C-alpha cells in the first residue's frame, strides 16, 4: 500500500535524481566552410560607347598600317628604278671591279701574285733582271711567236694605265712589236686598245696607237723617234673616250687624238712582244714602272 511517506520519499528521490540526457560534444563548424554571407546582387554594367567602338578602331589602325607599308614599298621600287636609270644615263661604262696597282719589277723573279706569264710555242724568255722586266723572243723561230705577262686583276670602267717600255735588240725591218695592250677577255683578243713600239725600215722607231673592234684593226696615229726607248706610254679610258699618249719631257703628248668608238667592256692589261720569222736576231724588250688605277 502506498503510504504518504512512501509517496513523499519517492517523490523526493525523483526530485533529487533528475533524469540525465546523454551528453553531446559542442558544435564546431567545419574548417573548410567559410561563413556564409549573402552575395550582393550585381547589376550589369552599361555598355561603354568606347568599348563598342574598339573593334572599329583596330580595323582602321590595321588598314592604315597596310596602306603605309604599301606606299613605302612603292616608294622604294621607284627610287631604285630611278637610280638605275640615272646610272645608265650618266655613263655607259660598267662599274670598276679592281683596285688597280703598280709594279716596279724589283726582286729576283716575277711577282706571280700580280702577273701571269705566257708564251706561244713556249719559246719566250720572261725574267726580271736588274729591277726591270725582260721579254725575249729567241733567234731561230720559224713561225709567229709572242710572249708576255697579263695583269691578273680584271679592269673595268674608266682607268689610267702607264708603263716604261723599250726595244733594246732586234726588230729589224718591222720584224717585231713591243706592245702595251688593254684587251678583252677572249682568247682571240678581238677588241684592243694598244700602243706598239716598232723599229722601222729606215732605222727609226715609231710609237703607234691602235684600236681593234671585233677584230677590225685601225691605226689611229704614230710618232717617230730616233731612239728605241725607254718611252713612258699611257692609255686613259674616261667619260666615253680613249687617249693614247707618250711622255716627252715633263708633258704627255697625245698620239692620234681622242677616240670615242672603242671597246667598252672589261679586260686585262698585257705587256707583250711578238716577232715574225724574217731571219733576224733575237728580240729583247724591257718594261718598267707599271701602274694601273681606276679613275
Protein backbone atom coordinates (compact mmCIF):
# COMPACT_ATOMS: atom_id res chain seq x y z
CA UNK A 1 0.00 0.00 0.00
CA UNK A 2 1.46 3.25 -0.92
CA UNK A 3 1.65 5.46 2.07
CA UNK A 4 2.14 9.17 2.14
CA UNK A 5 5.64 8.72 3.42
CA UNK A 6 6.42 6.37 0.80
CA UNK A 7 4.91 8.65 -1.76
CA UNK A 8 6.79 11.69 -0.49
CA UNK A 9 10.01 9.72 -0.31
CA UNK A 10 9.52 8.56 -3.77
CA UNK A 11 8.79 11.99 -4.97
CA UNK A 12 11.84 13.39 -3.22
CA UNK A 13 14.05 10.89 -4.74
CA UNK A 14 12.61 11.74 -8.07
CA UNK A 15 13.40 15.39 -7.45
CA UNK A 16 16.99 14.70 -6.31
CA UNK A 17 17.79 12.46 -9.21
CA UNK A 18 16.57 14.07 -12.38
CA UNK A 19 16.87 12.10 -15.49
CA UNK A 20 20.18 12.97 -17.27
CA UNK A 21 20.28 13.15 -21.05
CA UNK A 22 23.18 11.66 -22.94
CA UNK A 23 25.99 14.28 -23.32
CA UNK A 24 26.81 15.61 -26.86
CA UNK A 25 30.02 17.35 -27.98
CA UNK A 26 29.79 21.09 -28.64
CA UNK A 27 29.04 22.11 -32.25
CA UNK A 28 32.09 23.13 -34.22
CA UNK A 29 31.58 24.39 -37.81
CA UNK A 30 33.72 22.71 -40.45
CA UNK A 31 37.04 24.50 -41.03
CA UNK A 32 36.63 24.47 -44.81
CA UNK A 33 33.27 26.07 -44.82
CA UNK A 34 33.59 29.88 -44.63
CA UNK A 35 30.90 31.87 -43.02
CA UNK A 36 28.10 32.28 -45.40
CA UNK A 37 27.39 35.87 -46.32
CA UNK A 38 24.71 36.83 -48.69
CA UNK A 39 26.08 37.75 -52.16
CA UNK A 40 25.20 41.23 -53.32
CA UNK A 41 23.17 41.47 -56.43
CA UNK A 42 25.39 42.83 -59.24
CA UNK A 43 23.64 44.89 -61.81
CA UNK A 44 25.01 44.56 -65.41
CA UNK A 45 27.35 47.47 -66.29
CA UNK A 46 26.18 49.80 -69.01
CA UNK A 47 27.88 49.21 -72.39
CA UNK A 48 30.51 51.92 -72.95
CA UNK A 49 30.47 53.69 -76.30
CA UNK A 50 34.32 53.50 -76.34
CA UNK A 51 34.28 49.74 -75.90
CA UNK A 52 31.74 49.37 -78.65
CA UNK A 53 33.97 51.33 -80.98
CA UNK A 54 37.23 49.47 -80.12
CA UNK A 55 36.98 46.82 -82.88
CA UNK A 56 36.33 49.52 -85.47
CA UNK A 57 39.38 51.48 -84.31
CA UNK A 58 41.55 48.34 -84.50
CA UNK A 59 40.40 47.66 -88.04
CA UNK A 60 41.08 51.27 -89.01
CA UNK A 61 44.57 51.11 -87.45
CA UNK A 62 45.40 47.88 -89.31
CA UNK A 63 44.16 49.40 -92.57
CA UNK A 64 46.37 52.48 -92.08
CA UNK A 65 49.44 50.31 -91.39
CA UNK A 66 48.81 48.26 -94.55
CA UNK A 67 48.46 51.40 -96.66
CA UNK A 68 51.67 52.92 -95.22
CA UNK A 69 53.66 49.73 -95.87
CA UNK A 70 52.32 49.56 -99.42
CA UNK A 71 53.29 53.18 -100.10
CA UNK A 72 56.77 52.58 -98.66
CA UNK A 73 57.24 49.56 -100.91
CA UNK A 74 56.16 51.51 -103.99
CA UNK A 75 58.47 54.34 -102.98
CA UNK A 76 61.50 52.03 -102.69
CA UNK A 77 60.80 50.48 -106.09
CA UNK A 78 60.50 53.88 -107.75
CA UNK A 79 63.67 55.11 -106.02
CA UNK A 80 65.83 52.17 -107.12
CA UNK A 81 64.49 52.29 -110.66
CA UNK A 82 65.37 55.98 -110.81
CA UNK A 83 68.87 55.22 -109.52
CA UNK A 84 69.36 52.57 -112.20
CA UNK A 85 68.20 54.94 -114.93
CA UNK A 86 70.48 57.67 -113.65
CA UNK A 87 73.48 55.33 -113.57
CA UNK A 88 72.76 54.03 -117.05
CA UNK A 89 72.34 57.50 -118.50
CA UNK A 90 75.37 59.04 -116.79
CA UNK A 91 77.85 56.51 -118.20
CA UNK A 92 77.85 53.52 -120.46
CA UNK A 93 80.86 52.08 -118.61
CA UNK A 94 80.49 49.09 -116.28
CA UNK A 95 81.39 49.55 -112.64
CA UNK A 96 85.06 49.40 -111.67
CA UNK A 97 85.87 45.97 -110.24
CA UNK A 98 89.54 46.31 -109.33
CA UNK A 99 91.62 48.49 -107.06
CA UNK A 100 94.49 48.91 -109.51
CA UNK A 101 98.12 48.57 -108.54
CA UNK A 102 101.73 49.01 -109.59
CA UNK A 103 104.91 47.04 -110.09
CA UNK A 104 108.48 48.31 -110.47
CA UNK A 105 109.74 44.74 -111.10
CA UNK A 106 112.16 44.66 -108.19
CA UNK A 107 113.26 41.31 -106.85
CA UNK A 108 114.74 38.20 -108.35
CA UNK A 109 111.63 36.91 -110.10
CA UNK A 110 108.27 37.97 -111.49
CA UNK A 111 105.61 38.57 -108.85
CA UNK A 112 103.10 35.84 -109.68
CA UNK A 113 100.56 37.38 -107.31
CA UNK A 114 100.32 40.24 -109.82
CA UNK A 115 101.12 38.66 -113.18
CA UNK A 116 100.52 35.58 -115.31
CA UNK A 117 103.36 34.84 -117.74
CA UNK A 118 102.66 33.15 -121.08
CA UNK A 119 104.37 32.26 -124.35
CA UNK A 120 103.18 30.87 -127.66
CA UNK A 121 105.33 27.94 -128.78
CA UNK A 122 106.85 28.03 -125.27
CA UNK A 123 109.88 29.91 -126.59
CA UNK A 124 109.77 33.34 -124.93
CA UNK A 125 112.12 34.16 -122.07
CA UNK A 126 110.41 36.22 -119.35
CA UNK A 127 112.61 37.34 -116.45
CA UNK A 128 113.19 40.16 -114.04
CA UNK A 129 116.74 41.50 -114.46
CA UNK A 130 118.24 44.49 -112.60
CA UNK A 131 114.85 45.77 -111.47
CA UNK A 132 113.23 45.54 -114.92
CA UNK A 133 111.10 43.02 -116.77
CA UNK A 134 112.78 41.48 -119.84
CA UNK A 135 110.85 39.59 -122.51
CA UNK A 136 112.85 37.93 -125.29
CA UNK A 137 111.87 36.06 -128.43
CA UNK A 138 114.95 33.99 -129.32
CA UNK A 139 116.66 33.63 -132.67
CA UNK A 140 115.56 30.88 -134.99
CA UNK A 141 111.77 30.95 -134.65
CA UNK A 142 110.10 29.56 -137.76
CA UNK A 143 106.59 30.91 -137.18
CA UNK A 144 104.87 33.78 -135.47
CA UNK A 145 105.87 33.77 -131.81
CA UNK A 146 104.86 36.00 -128.93
CA UNK A 147 105.16 36.18 -125.17
CA UNK A 148 104.24 38.44 -122.32
CA UNK A 149 102.59 38.91 -118.96
CA UNK A 150 98.96 39.59 -118.08
CA UNK A 151 97.99 41.76 -115.12
CA UNK A 152 95.86 39.42 -113.01
CA UNK A 153 93.16 41.84 -111.97
CA UNK A 154 90.37 42.47 -114.45
CA UNK A 155 89.95 46.11 -115.41
CA UNK A 156 86.52 47.65 -115.98
CA UNK A 157 85.14 51.12 -116.37
CA UNK A 158 87.37 54.17 -116.57
CA UNK A 159 91.09 53.64 -115.97
CA UNK A 160 94.58 55.03 -116.46
CA UNK A 161 97.44 52.64 -117.24
CA UNK A 162 101.14 53.51 -117.73
CA UNK A 163 104.44 51.75 -118.29
CA UNK A 164 108.01 52.44 -119.44
CA UNK A 165 108.93 50.29 -122.45
CA UNK A 166 111.83 49.97 -124.88
CA UNK A 167 113.03 47.75 -127.69
CA UNK A 168 116.68 47.10 -126.89
CA UNK A 169 117.59 44.50 -129.50
CA UNK A 170 116.27 43.09 -132.76
CA UNK A 171 113.17 44.01 -134.64
CA UNK A 172 114.94 44.90 -137.88
CA UNK A 173 112.70 45.61 -140.89
CA UNK A 174 109.48 45.72 -138.85
CA UNK A 175 110.02 42.21 -137.61
CA UNK A 176 108.55 42.71 -134.14
CA UNK A 177 106.30 44.84 -131.95
CA UNK A 178 106.58 45.69 -128.29
CA UNK A 179 103.03 46.08 -127.07
CA UNK A 180 101.23 47.79 -124.18
CA UNK A 181 97.72 46.42 -124.57
CA UNK A 182 94.31 46.64 -122.95
CA UNK A 183 92.29 43.80 -124.46
CA UNK A 184 89.08 41.89 -123.94
CA UNK A 185 88.76 38.59 -122.08
CA UNK A 186 88.52 36.38 -125.18
CA UNK A 187 91.27 34.07 -126.38
CA UNK A 188 91.37 35.85 -129.74
CA UNK A 189 91.77 39.37 -128.28
CA UNK A 190 89.20 40.65 -130.77
CA UNK A 191 88.93 44.01 -129.01
CA UNK A 192 92.03 46.00 -128.09
CA UNK A 193 93.30 49.42 -127.13
CA UNK A 194 97.04 49.23 -127.70
CA UNK A 195 100.32 51.09 -128.09
CA UNK A 196 103.09 49.43 -130.12
CA UNK A 197 106.79 50.26 -130.33
CA UNK A 198 108.33 49.16 -133.60
CA UNK A 199 111.60 49.54 -135.48
CA UNK A 200 111.01 50.87 -138.98
CA UNK A 201 112.87 50.11 -142.24
CA UNK A 202 114.84 53.37 -142.07
CA UNK A 203 116.13 52.53 -138.59
CA UNK A 204 113.86 54.95 -136.74
CA UNK A 205 111.40 53.86 -134.06
CA UNK A 206 107.68 54.52 -134.07
CA UNK A 207 105.03 54.55 -131.37
CA UNK A 208 101.62 53.68 -132.77
CA UNK A 209 98.14 53.90 -131.25
CA UNK A 210 95.89 51.07 -132.41
CA UNK A 211 92.24 50.24 -131.90
CA UNK A 212 90.66 46.87 -132.62
CA UNK A 213 86.88 46.41 -132.50
CA UNK A 214 85.56 42.94 -133.30
CA UNK A 215 88.90 42.10 -134.96
CA UNK A 216 88.76 45.18 -137.22
CA UNK A 217 92.11 46.94 -136.62
CA UNK A 218 92.60 50.67 -137.13
CA UNK A 219 95.84 52.64 -136.85
CA UNK A 220 94.96 55.88 -135.07
CA UNK A 221 98.30 57.64 -135.46
CA UNK A 222 102.00 57.39 -134.73
CA UNK A 223 105.01 59.40 -133.58
CA UNK A 224 108.54 58.79 -134.87
CA UNK A 225 111.70 58.83 -132.74
CA UNK A 226 115.41 58.27 -133.40
CA UNK A 227 115.83 56.15 -130.27
CA UNK A 228 114.45 52.82 -129.10
CA UNK A 229 113.34 54.00 -125.66
CA UNK A 230 112.57 53.87 -122.89
CA UNK A 231 109.23 55.56 -123.56
CA UNK A 232 106.68 56.28 -120.85
CA UNK A 233 103.36 55.49 -122.50
CA UNK A 234 99.84 55.93 -121.18
CA UNK A 235 96.34 54.73 -122.06
CA UNK A 236 93.38 56.54 -120.49
CA UNK A 237 89.75 55.44 -120.88
CA UNK A 238 87.45 58.03 -119.35
CA UNK A 239 83.99 59.55 -119.89
CA UNK A 240 83.39 57.61 -123.08
CA UNK A 241 86.71 58.47 -124.73
CA UNK A 242 90.20 57.00 -125.01
CA UNK A 243 93.51 58.86 -125.19
CA UNK A 244 96.91 57.39 -126.07
CA UNK A 245 99.93 59.46 -125.04
CA UNK A 246 103.70 59.36 -124.67
CA UNK A 247 105.67 61.42 -122.20
CA UNK A 248 108.03 63.95 -123.78
CA UNK A 249 109.93 65.93 -121.18
CA UNK A 250 107.53 66.68 -118.36
CA UNK A 251 104.36 66.55 -120.51
CA UNK A 252 102.31 63.83 -122.15
CA UNK A 253 101.79 64.21 -125.90
CA UNK A 254 98.69 62.62 -127.43
CA UNK A 255 99.12 60.12 -130.24
CA UNK A 256 96.24 60.04 -132.73
CA UNK A 257 93.80 62.17 -130.75
CA UNK A 258 90.89 61.08 -128.60
CA UNK A 259 88.53 58.43 -129.94
CA UNK A 260 85.00 57.52 -128.93
CA UNK A 261 84.33 54.34 -130.92
CA UNK A 262 86.03 51.56 -129.00
CA UNK A 263 85.59 48.53 -126.76
CA UNK A 264 83.78 49.36 -123.51
CA UNK A 265 83.83 46.01 -121.76
CA UNK A 266 86.08 44.57 -119.07
CA UNK A 267 89.54 43.30 -119.93
CA UNK A 268 93.15 42.81 -118.96
CA UNK A 269 96.40 44.73 -119.31
CA UNK A 270 99.12 42.86 -121.22
CA UNK A 271 102.82 43.61 -121.69
CA UNK A 272 103.64 41.87 -124.91
CA UNK A 273 106.34 41.13 -127.53
CA UNK A 274 105.87 39.40 -130.86
CA UNK A 275 108.17 38.50 -133.74
CA UNK A 276 107.87 37.22 -137.28
CA UNK A 277 110.38 34.71 -138.79
CA UNK A 278 112.28 37.10 -141.02
CA UNK A 279 115.78 35.87 -140.26
CA UNK A 280 116.75 38.49 -137.72
CA UNK A 281 118.40 38.05 -134.36
CA UNK A 282 116.56 37.65 -131.08
CA UNK A 283 114.16 40.40 -129.96
CA UNK A 284 114.57 41.79 -126.45
CA UNK A 285 112.20 44.29 -124.84
CA UNK A 286 112.24 45.89 -121.42
CA UNK A 287 109.33 47.08 -119.26
CA UNK A 288 109.46 49.06 -116.03
CA UNK A 289 107.35 51.18 -113.65
CA UNK A 290 103.95 49.73 -114.48
CA UNK A 291 100.80 51.19 -112.89
CA UNK A 292 97.06 50.99 -113.41
CA UNK A 293 94.30 52.68 -111.48
CA UNK A 294 90.56 53.34 -111.78
CA UNK A 295 89.62 57.00 -112.40
